[in-house]
């Protein structure tokens, strides 16, 4: 298959999105698949929506798109709710609310499925290495892969803002010295990380490159201080800018 780039969780961060697209172009990757949460949290929802329309061949819905369209659908934390309300007003004023939030819940091509959350809940469930009590989630993930990965082998997900592979043998974490994985016939979750709000302790934007056999993680530096300043200028919660600097 031709190489594709898989991105997720841009969160209205145009600086990160632009830097990632520039790197995708430099790598000669022709198509971009986006796994949701193009909006929410960040200061440039209109610009990101319009750029995604131009550059993303596939877009699926994330929980932020759904919550912005249906305000009472989920219970979100106060910071997220404030950012969603601001985003909703901006998009509605520009006449972009429906265009920015109406996407399919998943996309499947051959042995690969692309969605935001997990196969158990495509919008809201997290694929995570640990559960809410801090214990390993490996046994649960292994069981889900065994039982539910029937019409596909690889499930690309976002939502958790962390890059890793969850396989039937364990978790694999990319880093600068080891970011390429040959997938073979393995059944697995490929968590692609976040473009616009990484939460793995690395402030650089993250995306993956996939050619049907090999998956490569890429990290891209961008001027996160610019995005943080714009967040403050728009009156959004200060923590949303501060966390960009920390990658948390």
Protein backbone atom coordinates (compact mmCIF):
# COMPACT_ATOMS: atom_id res chain seq x y z
CA UNK A 1 0.00 0.00 0.00
CA UNK A 2 1.18 3.62 -0.47
CA UNK A 3 2.58 5.28 2.62
CA UNK A 4 0.06 7.14 4.75
CA UNK A 5 0.39 9.43 7.75
CA UNK A 6 -1.96 8.86 10.67
CA UNK A 7 -2.53 11.80 13.00
CA UNK A 8 -4.82 12.47 15.93
CA UNK A 9 -5.73 15.06 18.55
CA UNK A 10 -4.62 18.24 16.79
CA UNK A 11 -6.84 20.16 19.22
CA UNK A 12 -6.91 23.44 17.28
CA UNK A 13 -3.13 23.82 17.51
CA UNK A 14 -2.28 25.26 14.11
CA UNK A 15 1.44 25.61 14.87
CA UNK A 16 1.77 21.89 15.61
CA UNK A 17 -0.50 20.89 12.73
CA UNK A 18 1.41 23.00 10.21
CA UNK A 19 4.77 21.65 11.40
CA UNK A 20 3.55 18.05 11.12
CA UNK A 21 2.15 18.58 7.63
CA UNK A 22 5.46 20.12 6.56
CA UNK A 23 7.28 17.01 7.79
CA UNK A 24 4.75 14.74 6.09
CA UNK A 25 5.42 16.57 2.82
CA UNK A 26 9.19 16.31 3.33
CA UNK A 27 8.83 12.54 3.79
CA UNK A 28 6.86 12.28 0.54
CA UNK A 29 3.75 10.85 2.21
CA UNK A 30 0.73 11.44 0.02
CA UNK A 31 -2.28 10.82 2.26
CA UNK A 32 -3.24 11.85 5.78
CA UNK A 33 -5.76 10.02 7.98
CA UNK A 34 -7.02 11.96 11.02
CA UNK A 35 -8.46 10.13 14.04
CA UNK A 36 -10.54 12.89 15.56
CA UNK A 37 -10.31 15.78 18.02
CA UNK A 38 -9.17 18.22 15.38
CA UNK A 39 -10.75 20.88 17.61
CA UNK A 40 -11.11 21.63 21.32
CA UNK A 41 -8.60 23.06 23.81
CA UNK A 42 -6.59 25.13 21.33
CA UNK A 43 -6.93 28.68 19.95
CA UNK A 44 -7.26 28.05 16.19
CA UNK A 45 -10.25 25.79 15.48
CA UNK A 46 -11.28 27.53 12.26
CA UNK A 47 -7.79 27.37 10.75
CA UNK A 48 -7.35 23.70 11.69
CA UNK A 49 -10.77 22.70 10.35
CA UNK A 50 -10.08 24.41 7.04
CA UNK A 51 -6.58 22.97 6.73
CA UNK A 52 -7.83 19.48 7.57
CA UNK A 53 -10.44 19.76 4.80
CA UNK A 54 -7.62 20.45 2.35
CA UNK A 55 -5.11 17.87 3.57
CA UNK A 56 -6.85 14.92 5.24
CA UNK A 57 -8.21 12.19 2.98
CA UNK A 58 -9.94 10.50 5.93
CA UNK A 59 -11.35 12.08 9.08
CA UNK A 60 -13.22 10.27 11.82
CA UNK A 61 -15.06 11.74 14.75
CA UNK A 62 -13.54 12.27 18.17
CA UNK A 63 -15.18 12.91 21.51
CA UNK A 64 -14.51 16.65 21.21
CA UNK A 65 -16.31 16.91 17.87
CA UNK A 66 -19.22 14.99 19.34
CA UNK A 67 -19.33 17.03 22.56
CA UNK A 68 -19.13 20.32 20.69
CA UNK A 69 -22.03 19.28 18.48
CA UNK A 70 -24.03 17.73 21.36
CA UNK A 71 -23.17 19.71 24.52
CA UNK A 72 -24.92 17.32 26.94
CA UNK A 73 -23.55 14.08 25.47
CA UNK A 74 -20.65 13.59 27.91
CA UNK A 75 -19.64 14.84 31.33
CA UNK A 76 -16.33 16.64 30.77
CA UNK A 77 -13.97 18.33 33.20
CA UNK A 78 -14.48 22.10 33.69
CA UNK A 79 -11.41 23.08 31.64
CA UNK A 80 -12.53 20.97 28.69
CA UNK A 81 -16.09 22.29 28.98
CA UNK A 82 -14.91 25.89 28.94
CA UNK A 83 -12.75 25.30 25.87
CA UNK A 84 -15.56 23.41 24.12
CA UNK A 85 -18.05 26.22 24.76
CA UNK A 86 -15.61 28.77 23.33
CA UNK A 87 -14.91 26.54 20.31
CA UNK A 88 -18.60 25.94 19.72
CA UNK A 89 -19.30 29.68 19.69
CA UNK A 90 -16.41 30.41 17.32
CA UNK A 91 -17.43 27.69 14.86
CA UNK A 92 -21.10 28.66 15.00
CA UNK A 93 -20.24 32.29 14.32
CA UNK A 94 -18.24 31.25 11.26
CA UNK A 95 -20.95 28.86 10.04
CA UNK A 96 -18.62 25.86 10.42
CA UNK A 97 -20.18 23.95 13.30
CA UNK A 98 -21.65 21.09 11.27
CA UNK A 99 -18.71 20.94 8.87
CA UNK A 100 -16.27 20.72 11.79
CA UNK A 101 -18.09 18.04 13.76
CA UNK A 102 -19.90 15.62 11.46
CA UNK A 103 -17.67 12.68 10.57
CA UNK A 104 -18.03 8.88 10.57
CA UNK A 105 -17.20 7.09 13.80
CA UNK A 106 -14.62 4.85 12.16
CA UNK A 107 -13.03 3.95 8.85
CA UNK A 108 -11.87 0.53 7.73
CA UNK A 109 -9.57 -0.40 4.87
CA UNK A 110 -8.59 -4.02 4.52
CA UNK A 111 -6.88 -5.25 7.67
CA UNK A 112 -6.81 -1.79 9.30
CA UNK A 113 -9.46 0.16 11.16
CA UNK A 114 -9.10 3.82 12.13
CA UNK A 115 -11.02 5.32 15.05
CA UNK A 116 -10.63 7.68 17.99
CA UNK A 117 -11.18 5.74 21.21
CA UNK A 118 -11.22 1.93 21.17
CA UNK A 119 -13.15 -0.93 19.61
CA UNK A 120 -15.30 -1.02 22.76
CA UNK A 121 -16.32 2.64 22.51
CA UNK A 122 -15.09 4.46 19.42
CA UNK A 123 -15.52 7.92 20.95
CA UNK A 124 -14.92 7.83 24.69
CA UNK A 125 -12.95 4.73 25.73
CA UNK A 126 -9.19 4.98 26.27
CA UNK A 127 -6.61 2.42 25.23
CA UNK A 128 -4.16 2.79 28.11
CA UNK A 129 -1.27 0.84 29.57
CA UNK A 130 -2.77 1.08 33.07
CA UNK A 131 -6.27 1.18 34.52
CA UNK A 132 -7.78 3.87 36.76
CA UNK A 133 -6.12 2.30 39.82
CA UNK A 134 -2.66 2.24 38.23
CA UNK A 135 -2.58 -1.50 37.53
CA UNK A 136 -1.51 -2.92 34.19
CA UNK A 137 -4.30 -3.09 31.62
CA UNK A 138 -2.44 -5.68 29.56
CA UNK A 139 -4.70 -8.64 30.33
CA UNK A 140 -7.84 -6.70 29.40
CA UNK A 141 -6.32 -5.37 26.17
CA UNK A 142 -5.05 -8.83 25.25
CA UNK A 143 -8.57 -10.23 25.71
CA UNK A 144 -10.13 -7.47 23.62
CA UNK A 145 -7.67 -8.07 20.80
CA UNK A 146 -8.30 -11.82 20.94
CA UNK A 147 -12.09 -11.51 20.89
CA UNK A 148 -12.84 -8.39 18.85
CA UNK A 149 -10.08 -8.09 16.25
CA UNK A 150 -11.84 -10.36 13.79
CA UNK A 151 -12.35 -8.44 10.53
CA UNK A 152 -9.10 -6.47 10.97
CA UNK A 153 -5.61 -6.87 12.45
CA UNK A 154 -4.56 -3.32 13.28
CA UNK A 155 -6.63 -0.71 15.05
CA UNK A 156 -5.21 2.83 14.90
CA UNK A 157 -6.38 4.98 17.81
CA UNK A 158 -5.85 8.41 19.33
CA UNK A 159 -7.65 9.93 22.35
CA UNK A 160 -5.04 9.01 24.98
CA UNK A 161 -2.43 11.42 23.53
CA UNK A 162 0.33 8.83 24.04
CA UNK A 163 2.35 6.88 21.43
CA UNK A 164 2.67 3.12 21.90
CA UNK A 165 1.74 -0.26 20.46
CA UNK A 166 -0.45 -2.64 22.46
CA UNK A 167 0.08 -6.19 21.25
CA UNK A 168 -0.83 -9.64 22.53
CA UNK A 169 2.75 -9.88 23.84
CA UNK A 170 2.95 -6.55 25.64
CA UNK A 171 3.41 -2.81 25.15
CA UNK A 172 6.01 -1.27 22.85
CA UNK A 173 7.02 2.36 23.33
CA UNK A 174 8.85 4.36 20.64
CA UNK A 175 11.74 6.68 21.40
CA UNK A 176 14.29 8.53 19.32
CA UNK A 177 16.61 5.50 19.09
CA UNK A 178 13.83 3.01 18.35
CA UNK A 179 10.80 4.35 16.53
CA UNK A 180 10.27 1.82 13.73
CA UNK A 181 8.27 -1.40 14.13
CA UNK A 182 7.67 -4.20 11.66
CA UNK A 183 4.13 -5.38 12.33
CA UNK A 184 4.00 -8.57 10.28
CA UNK A 185 0.77 -10.47 10.95
CA UNK A 186 0.46 -9.25 14.53
CA UNK A 187 -2.92 -8.09 15.81
CA UNK A 188 -2.53 -4.89 17.80
CA UNK A 189 -3.60 -1.42 18.78
CA UNK A 190 -1.43 1.34 17.30
CA UNK A 191 -1.81 4.42 19.47
CA UNK A 192 -0.54 7.29 17.34
CA UNK A 193 -0.01 9.97 19.99
CA UNK A 194 -1.10 13.59 19.66
CA UNK A 195 -0.21 16.35 17.24
CA UNK A 196 -1.50 19.24 19.30
CA UNK A 197 -1.36 18.19 22.96
CA UNK A 198 1.11 15.35 23.68
CA UNK A 199 0.88 13.82 27.16
CA UNK A 200 3.88 11.49 27.29
CA UNK A 201 6.37 14.02 28.65
CA UNK A 202 7.62 15.03 25.20
CA UNK A 203 6.30 18.39 24.00
CA UNK A 204 6.99 17.61 20.33
CA UNK A 205 4.06 16.82 18.06
CA UNK A 206 3.64 13.14 17.22
CA UNK A 207 2.32 11.20 14.23
CA UNK A 208 2.89 7.84 12.54
CA UNK A 209 3.88 6.75 9.06
CA UNK A 210 2.56 3.40 7.82
CA UNK A 211 3.23 1.48 4.60
CA UNK A 212 1.19 -1.64 5.27
CA UNK A 213 4.03 -3.51 6.99
CA UNK A 214 6.17 -1.07 8.95
CA UNK A 215 5.02 1.64 11.32
CA UNK A 216 7.30 4.58 12.13
CA UNK A 217 6.71 7.17 14.82
CA UNK A 218 7.80 10.74 14.14
CA UNK A 219 8.26 13.64 16.56
CA UNK A 220 8.23 17.21 15.30
CA UNK A 221 9.27 20.31 17.23
CA UNK A 222 7.07 23.38 16.87
CA UNK A 223 6.81 26.78 18.64
CA UNK A 224 4.53 25.67 21.48
CA UNK A 225 5.14 28.97 23.27
CA UNK A 226 3.33 30.71 20.41
CA UNK A 227 0.29 28.46 20.84
CA UNK A 228 0.38 28.95 24.62
CA UNK A 229 0.43 32.74 24.19
CA UNK A 230 -2.55 32.61 21.81
CA UNK A 231 -4.48 30.45 24.30
CA UNK A 232 -4.11 33.21 26.90
CA UNK A 233 -5.02 35.91 24.38
CA UNK A 234 -8.30 34.11 23.62
CA UNK A 235 -9.17 33.91 27.31
CA UNK A 236 -8.93 30.12 27.44
CA UNK A 237 -7.73 28.41 30.65
CA UNK A 238 -4.06 29.07 31.29
CA UNK A 239 -3.36 25.39 32.04
CA UNK A 240 -4.03 24.55 28.39
CA UNK A 241 -1.01 26.58 27.37
CA UNK A 242 1.20 25.51 30.24
CA UNK A 243 0.70 21.81 29.56
CA UNK A 244 1.89 22.22 25.97
CA UNK A 245 5.27 23.33 27.26
CA UNK A 246 5.53 20.22 29.47
CA UNK A 247 4.05 17.66 27.09
CA UNK A 248 1.58 16.63 29.82
